[in-house]
Amino acid sequence: MRLIFAFLFFLGCGGETTRTEYVPIPGGGSTGGNTGGGNQNGKPSYQETQALLITHCQSCHANSNFLKSERQLRASSTLNRVRSRSMPPNGGSLGDIDRRRIISFF
């Protein structure tokens, strides 16, 4: 009987998919003042950078891996594309302050 309960217990473990969703940081963003995060070097945190990318990139790149995790963002060509101003195309809605924040994350 214990074996059956143990089997059912472990069978149920990991059955649910945990989904990480973006939660905005109060007072965050590029409006100046306290950005609600970052590290001691003044670099923006991953959460701040993800918020900027969601705001400026998600409409065209909703299923892109670079929006899903910090590891995938760092492995992507996002830095080069933002730095060279090839993204967002035609100047897009990414202002200079937000562009500098994204670049300084890397």
Protein backbone atom coordinates (compact mmCIF):
# COMPACT_ATOMS: atom_id res chain seq x y z
CA MET A 1 0.00 0.00 0.00
CA ARG A 2 2.85 2.42 0.83
CA LEU A 3 4.44 1.64 -2.48
CA ILE A 4 1.25 2.65 -4.29
CA PHE A 5 1.04 5.94 -2.37
CA ALA A 6 4.71 6.67 -3.06
CA PHE A 7 4.18 5.92 -6.75
CA LEU A 8 1.14 8.20 -6.94
CA PHE A 9 2.97 10.95 -5.06
CA PHE A 10 5.91 10.94 -7.47
CA LEU A 11 3.63 10.57 -10.44
CA GLY A 12 1.94 13.82 -9.48
CA CYS A 13 5.19 15.73 -8.96
CA GLY A 14 6.17 17.92 -11.86
CA GLY A 15 2.92 17.39 -13.66
CA GLU A 16 2.05 21.07 -13.67
CA THR A 17 3.82 23.52 -15.91
CA THR A 18 5.01 26.62 -14.13
CA ARG A 19 4.81 29.69 -16.31
CA THR A 20 6.79 32.79 -15.51
CA GLU A 21 4.94 35.93 -16.39
CA TYR A 22 6.19 39.48 -16.59
CA VAL A 23 5.29 41.49 -13.53
CA PRO A 24 6.03 45.22 -13.82
CA ILE A 25 8.27 46.78 -11.21
CA PRO A 26 6.49 49.65 -9.45
CA GLY A 27 8.12 52.91 -10.48
CA GLY A 28 10.22 51.08 -13.06
CA GLY A 29 10.82 51.89 -16.67
CA SER A 30 12.71 54.71 -18.30
CA THR A 31 10.78 57.64 -16.93
CA GLY A 32 13.68 58.67 -14.75
CA GLY A 33 14.15 58.41 -11.03
CA ASN A 34 14.37 55.09 -9.28
CA THR A 35 14.04 52.26 -11.75
CA GLY A 36 13.10 49.77 -9.06
CA GLY A 37 16.02 47.42 -9.57
CA GLY A 38 19.36 47.06 -11.19
CA ASN A 39 22.58 46.21 -9.50
CA GLN A 40 25.15 48.22 -7.59
CA ASN A 41 27.00 49.15 -10.78
CA GLY A 42 23.95 50.99 -12.07
CA LYS A 43 23.24 48.33 -14.68
CA PRO A 44 19.59 47.47 -15.19
CA SER A 45 18.38 44.13 -13.91
CA TYR A 46 17.14 41.41 -16.22
CA GLN A 47 13.56 42.21 -15.16
CA GLU A 48 13.95 45.87 -16.13
CA THR A 49 15.50 44.91 -19.46
CA GLN A 50 12.79 42.32 -20.10
CA ALA A 51 10.15 45.00 -19.44
CA LEU A 52 11.75 47.25 -22.06
CA LEU A 53 11.99 44.41 -24.56
CA ILE A 54 8.37 43.43 -23.98
CA THR A 55 7.30 47.03 -24.50
CA HIS A 56 9.33 47.58 -27.66
CA CYS A 57 9.84 44.13 -29.21
CA GLN A 58 7.00 41.81 -28.28
CA SER A 59 4.57 43.08 -30.92
CA CYS A 60 6.82 41.64 -33.68
CA HIS A 61 8.81 39.04 -31.72
CA ALA A 62 6.16 37.55 -29.41
CA ASN A 63 7.45 33.98 -29.74
CA SER A 64 11.15 34.79 -29.81
CA ASN A 65 13.42 33.01 -27.35
CA PHE A 66 15.23 36.18 -26.29
CA LEU A 67 12.06 37.34 -24.51
CA LYS A 68 11.77 34.12 -22.50
CA SER A 69 14.91 33.96 -20.34
CA GLU A 70 18.03 35.87 -19.41
CA ARG A 71 20.25 33.10 -20.77
CA GLN A 72 18.52 33.22 -24.15
CA LEU A 73 18.65 37.02 -24.20
CA ARG A 74 22.40 37.02 -23.58
CA ALA A 75 22.91 34.40 -26.32
CA SER A 76 20.85 36.36 -28.86
CA SER A 77 21.89 39.08 -31.28
CA THR A 78 19.79 41.64 -29.40
CA LEU A 79 22.77 43.70 -28.22
CA ASN A 80 24.20 44.07 -31.73
CA ARG A 81 20.82 44.85 -33.27
CA VAL A 82 19.91 47.47 -30.67
CA ARG A 83 23.40 48.99 -30.76
CA SER A 84 23.41 49.20 -34.58
CA ARG A 85 19.86 50.59 -34.53
CA SER A 86 18.66 47.88 -36.92
CA MET A 87 16.02 47.05 -34.31
CA PRO A 88 13.44 48.25 -33.95
CA PRO A 89 13.17 48.95 -37.68
CA ASN A 90 12.71 52.48 -39.01
CA GLY A 91 13.66 53.97 -35.66
CA GLY A 92 10.66 52.33 -33.99
CA SER A 93 9.48 53.50 -30.62
CA LEU A 94 12.75 52.80 -28.79
CA GLY A 95 14.06 56.09 -27.45
CA ASP A 96 17.70 56.82 -26.70
CA ILE A 97 17.29 56.35 -22.93
CA ASP A 98 15.68 52.93 -23.33
CA ARG A 99 18.27 51.98 -25.97
CA ARG A 100 21.11 52.85 -23.57
CA ARG A 101 19.43 50.89 -20.73
CA ILE A 102 19.17 47.76 -22.90
CA ILE A 103 22.78 48.09 -24.08
CA SER A 104 24.06 48.66 -20.52
CA PHE A 105 22.37 45.44 -19.37
CA PHE A 106 24.89 43.48 -21.41
